[in-house]
Amino acid sequence: MTDYVVEKNLLRLKQEIVPYTPRIIAVTKYYDVNAIIEAYNAGLRDFGESKINDAISKIEQLPETIKKESTFHYIGHLQSNKVAKVIKYFDYIHSVDSLRLAKIISEKAVSIGKIQNVLIEVNISGEVQKFGFDIEELKNCFEELKSLRGIKIHGLMCMAPLGAGDTELDSVFSQTRLLLKELNNCHSMQMSELSMGMSDDYKYAVVNGATMIRIGRNLFKKEDI
């Protein structure tokens, strides 16, 4: 038996969310390089990390085939002094939480000839302890965000409040979906990605249109003995 039994957990997860088929991002920040390899062997190709130095170490240890065939997502809060490292190793940044950060990412990406794929983090519930744009702030500066040369905005990311009940989860995720639709309509865009839902709330997220779910524990937990 393998250490993480990813294949069985992945099958169970997919069965739970039928008929929805979001992109499943395996969040490997608490797991080692062997967990990434096992997840890859189970069929996963998207991996999420939030600790840049640990992530780089793991990515560099991966076999070349896995590195080439995988997509790496930076999902944690991003400090401006870590941007250059992140854009070198990550295909997507989910946590663009301010205009200032977006400008730095764009500048650094342009300097190395890259257009960085990003999602804009929205603090839908207005929690003071969470990062992300509030709704009105994002609407007011979106025109400037979309004009930045070094980034391509694919959609929105949100995190539900810890311990939220059914009604609040539905509200947060549905508001994020509606905000994406409004931004697309107002700015003649076709953003399609909604990164929302983690191990505790992904079932609510997929019902409300999540195209990416970020799953760690529910993929890598060991079977009960």
Protein backbone atom coordinates (compact mmCIF):
# COMPACT_ATOMS: atom_id res chain seq x y z
CA MET A 1 0.00 0.00 0.00
CA THR A 2 1.25 3.49 -0.80
CA ASP A 3 1.58 6.14 1.88
CA TYR A 4 -1.08 8.52 0.57
CA VAL A 5 -3.63 6.35 -1.32
CA VAL A 6 -4.28 9.24 -3.68
CA GLU A 7 -5.87 7.16 -6.40
CA LYS A 8 -8.69 5.89 -4.15
CA ASN A 9 -9.26 9.30 -2.61
CA LEU A 10 -9.38 10.91 -6.06
CA LEU A 11 -11.92 8.38 -7.31
CA ARG A 12 -14.10 8.98 -4.24
CA LEU A 13 -13.89 12.75 -4.69
CA LYS A 14 -14.86 12.57 -8.37
CA GLN A 15 -17.84 10.37 -7.52
CA GLU A 16 -18.98 12.85 -4.88
CA ILE A 17 -19.13 15.77 -7.32
CA VAL A 18 -20.78 14.07 -10.31
CA PRO A 19 -21.89 15.53 -12.73
CA TYR A 20 -19.40 18.38 -12.18
CA THR A 21 -15.88 18.08 -13.58
CA PRO A 22 -13.77 20.96 -12.23
CA ARG A 23 -10.01 21.00 -12.54
CA ILE A 24 -8.71 19.37 -9.36
CA ILE A 25 -5.64 21.13 -7.99
CA ALA A 26 -3.72 18.87 -5.63
CA VAL A 27 -2.53 21.11 -2.81
CA THR A 28 0.84 19.64 -1.85
CA LYS A 29 2.18 22.30 0.51
CA TYR A 30 2.10 19.92 3.51
CA TYR A 31 3.35 16.91 1.57
CA ASP A 32 6.67 15.84 0.10
CA VAL A 33 7.83 15.26 -3.46
CA ASN A 34 6.74 11.61 -3.29
CA ALA A 35 3.17 12.76 -2.76
CA ILE A 36 3.35 14.84 -5.95
CA ILE A 37 4.67 11.84 -7.85
CA GLU A 38 1.90 9.63 -6.51
CA ALA A 39 -0.73 12.22 -7.40
CA TYR A 40 0.73 12.46 -10.90
CA ASN A 41 0.62 8.67 -11.24
CA ALA A 42 -3.04 8.79 -10.16
CA GLY A 43 -3.75 11.08 -13.11
CA LEU A 44 -3.52 14.56 -11.58
CA ARG A 45 -1.62 17.26 -13.47
CA ASP A 46 -2.32 20.39 -11.41
CA PHE A 47 -0.41 21.08 -8.20
CA GLY A 48 -0.86 23.92 -5.71
CA GLU A 49 1.76 25.35 -3.37
CA SER A 50 1.96 28.38 -1.09
CA LYS A 51 5.45 28.25 0.44
CA ILE A 52 7.79 29.32 -2.30
CA ASN A 53 11.12 27.95 -1.08
CA ASP A 54 9.67 24.55 -0.19
CA ALA A 55 7.82 24.50 -3.50
CA ILE A 56 10.94 25.24 -5.54
CA SER A 57 12.83 22.47 -3.75
CA LYS A 58 10.08 19.95 -4.53
CA ILE A 59 9.64 21.06 -8.14
CA GLU A 60 13.37 20.79 -8.81
CA GLN A 61 13.41 17.23 -7.43
CA LEU A 62 10.66 16.05 -9.77
CA PRO A 63 11.47 13.93 -12.82
CA GLU A 64 11.63 16.04 -15.99
CA THR A 65 8.57 14.34 -17.50
CA ILE A 66 6.41 15.27 -14.51
CA LYS A 67 7.69 18.85 -14.52
CA LYS A 68 6.93 19.24 -18.23
CA GLU A 69 3.48 17.67 -18.08
CA SER A 70 2.29 19.38 -14.90
CA THR A 71 0.80 22.80 -14.21
CA PHE A 72 1.91 24.54 -11.03
CA HIS A 73 -0.41 26.93 -9.19
CA TYR A 74 0.72 29.42 -6.56
CA ILE A 75 -2.24 29.68 -4.18
CA GLY A 76 -0.86 31.42 -1.08
CA HIS A 77 -0.52 35.06 -0.14
CA LEU A 78 2.25 36.48 -2.30
CA GLN A 79 4.71 39.03 -0.93
CA SER A 80 6.17 41.44 -3.46
CA ASN A 81 9.75 40.36 -2.76
CA LYS A 82 8.87 36.77 -3.77
CA VAL A 83 7.27 37.62 -7.12
CA ALA A 84 10.37 37.01 -9.26
CA LYS A 85 10.75 33.49 -7.86
CA VAL A 86 7.09 32.66 -8.25
CA ILE A 87 6.78 33.70 -11.89
CA LYS A 88 9.83 31.62 -12.72
CA TYR A 89 8.31 28.39 -11.40
CA PHE A 90 4.52 28.77 -11.48
CA ASP A 91 2.10 28.69 -14.40
CA TYR A 92 -0.74 30.34 -12.46
CA ILE A 93 -0.93 32.74 -9.54
CA HIS A 94 -4.34 32.51 -7.84
CA SER A 95 -3.73 35.11 -5.16
CA VAL A 96 -3.42 38.49 -6.88
CA ASP A 97 -4.97 40.52 -4.07
CA SER A 98 -4.08 44.14 -4.90
CA LEU A 99 -3.45 46.43 -7.85
CA ARG A 100 0.05 47.05 -6.52
CA LEU A 101 0.88 43.34 -6.55
CA ALA A 102 -0.59 42.93 -10.05
CA LYS A 103 1.67 45.73 -11.31
CA ILE A 104 4.76 44.10 -9.79
CA ILE A 105 3.87 40.71 -11.28
CA SER A 106 3.32 42.33 -14.67
CA GLU A 107 6.62 44.22 -14.51
CA LYS A 108 8.63 41.16 -13.49
CA ALA A 109 6.93 38.98 -16.10
CA VAL A 110 7.61 41.48 -18.89
CA SER A 111 11.26 41.64 -17.85
CA ILE A 112 11.68 37.91 -18.57
CA GLY A 113 9.45 37.84 -21.65
CA LYS A 114 6.55 36.05 -19.98
CA ILE A 115 2.83 36.68 -19.72
CA GLN A 116 1.82 35.38 -16.30
CA ASN A 117 -1.52 33.63 -15.93
CA VAL A 118 -3.34 34.99 -12.89
CA LEU A 119 -6.60 34.91 -11.00
CA ILE A 120 -7.80 37.83 -8.94
CA GLU A 121 -8.45 37.07 -5.28
CA VAL A 122 -11.71 38.50 -3.99
CA ASN A 123 -12.64 38.85 -0.31
CA ILE A 124 -16.35 38.34 -0.88
CA SER A 125 -17.28 38.02 2.79
CA GLY A 126 -15.29 41.12 3.81
CA GLU A 127 -13.30 39.36 6.53
CA VAL A 128 -10.62 41.65 7.95
CA GLN A 129 -8.19 38.75 8.41
CA LYS A 130 -8.39 37.69 4.76
CA PHE A 131 -6.54 39.08 1.78
CA GLY A 132 -8.20 40.02 -1.49
CA PHE A 133 -10.06 42.83 -3.23
CA ASP A 134 -13.44 43.82 -1.92
CA ILE A 135 -16.09 43.84 -4.62
CA GLU A 136 -16.34 47.58 -5.22
CA GLU A 137 -12.58 48.04 -5.10
CA LEU A 138 -12.15 45.41 -7.82
CA LYS A 139 -14.83 46.94 -10.01
CA ASN A 140 -13.20 50.37 -9.70
CA CYS A 141 -9.71 49.26 -10.71
CA PHE A 142 -10.46 46.38 -13.07
CA GLU A 143 -9.90 48.44 -16.20
CA GLU A 144 -6.37 49.20 -15.00
CA LEU A 145 -5.79 45.56 -14.03
CA LYS A 146 -6.78 44.24 -17.46
CA SER A 147 -4.49 46.74 -19.18
CA LEU A 148 -1.31 45.38 -17.54
CA ARG A 149 0.88 43.87 -20.27
CA GLY A 150 2.57 41.13 -18.30
CA ILE A 151 -0.48 39.34 -16.94
CA LYS A 152 -3.44 37.47 -18.37
CA ILE A 153 -6.48 37.42 -16.07
CA HIS A 154 -8.30 34.10 -16.30
CA GLY A 155 -10.88 34.61 -13.56
CA LEU A 156 -11.43 34.96 -9.83
CA MET A 157 -10.37 33.13 -6.68
CA CYS A 158 -12.09 33.21 -3.32
CA MET A 159 -11.92 31.52 0.07
CA ALA A 160 -15.03 30.89 2.15
CA PRO A 161 -15.07 31.90 5.82
CA LEU A 162 -13.82 29.27 8.24
CA GLY A 163 -16.70 27.34 9.75
CA ALA A 164 -19.28 28.85 7.41
CA GLY A 165 -22.63 27.10 7.24
CA ASP A 166 -24.50 25.91 4.14
CA THR A 167 -26.25 29.22 3.45
CA GLU A 168 -23.10 31.32 3.80
CA LEU A 169 -21.07 28.96 1.61
CA ASP A 170 -23.68 29.11 -1.13
CA SER A 171 -23.77 32.90 -0.83
CA VAL A 172 -19.99 33.41 -1.05
CA PHE A 173 -19.55 31.10 -4.02
CA SER A 174 -22.60 32.32 -5.93
CA GLN A 175 -21.58 35.97 -5.42
CA THR A 176 -18.15 35.17 -6.84
CA ARG A 177 -19.73 33.55 -9.89
CA LEU A 178 -22.02 36.55 -10.44
CA LEU A 179 -19.12 38.98 -10.02
CA LEU A 180 -17.16 37.15 -12.73
CA LYS A 181 -20.16 37.38 -15.05
CA GLU A 182 -20.55 41.10 -14.33
CA LEU A 183 -16.87 41.83 -14.98
CA ASN A 184 -16.99 39.89 -18.24
CA ASN A 185 -20.05 41.83 -19.38
CA CYS A 186 -18.74 45.25 -18.33
CA HIS A 187 -15.27 44.78 -19.82
CA SER A 188 -16.04 42.64 -22.88
CA MET A 189 -13.97 39.77 -21.54
CA GLN A 190 -14.32 36.00 -21.55
CA MET A 191 -12.74 35.03 -18.24
CA SER A 192 -13.81 31.48 -17.44
CA GLU A 193 -12.05 30.35 -14.26
CA LEU A 194 -13.48 30.27 -10.76
CA SER A 195 -10.97 28.92 -8.24
CA MET A 196 -13.06 28.21 -5.18
CA GLY A 197 -13.61 25.33 -2.83
CA MET A 198 -11.22 23.37 -0.63
CA SER A 199 -11.40 20.09 1.30
CA ASP A 200 -14.18 21.28 3.63
CA ASP A 201 -16.43 23.02 1.13
CA TYR A 202 -15.73 21.86 -2.44
CA LYS A 203 -19.19 20.30 -2.81
CA TYR A 204 -20.79 23.73 -2.38
CA ALA A 205 -18.24 25.32 -4.72
CA VAL A 206 -18.84 23.00 -7.68
CA VAL A 207 -22.60 23.48 -7.49
CA ASN A 208 -21.95 27.22 -7.76
CA GLY A 209 -19.73 27.00 -10.81
CA ALA A 210 -16.20 26.33 -9.57
CA THR A 211 -13.90 25.40 -12.44
CA MET A 212 -10.93 24.79 -10.13
CA ILE A 213 -11.05 23.25 -6.65
CA ARG A 214 -8.02 23.26 -4.36
CA ILE A 215 -7.82 19.96 -2.49
CA GLY A 216 -5.12 18.83 -0.05
CA ARG A 217 -6.22 16.73 2.91
CA ASN A 218 -9.03 14.92 1.10
CA LEU A 219 -6.60 13.68 -1.54
CA PHE A 220 -3.64 12.78 0.62
CA LYS A 221 -5.22 11.44 3.81
CA LYS A 222 -4.33 7.85 4.60
CA GLU A 223 -7.01 5.21 4.80
CA ASP A 224 -8.40 4.27 8.18
CA ILE A 225 -6.91 1.06 9.46
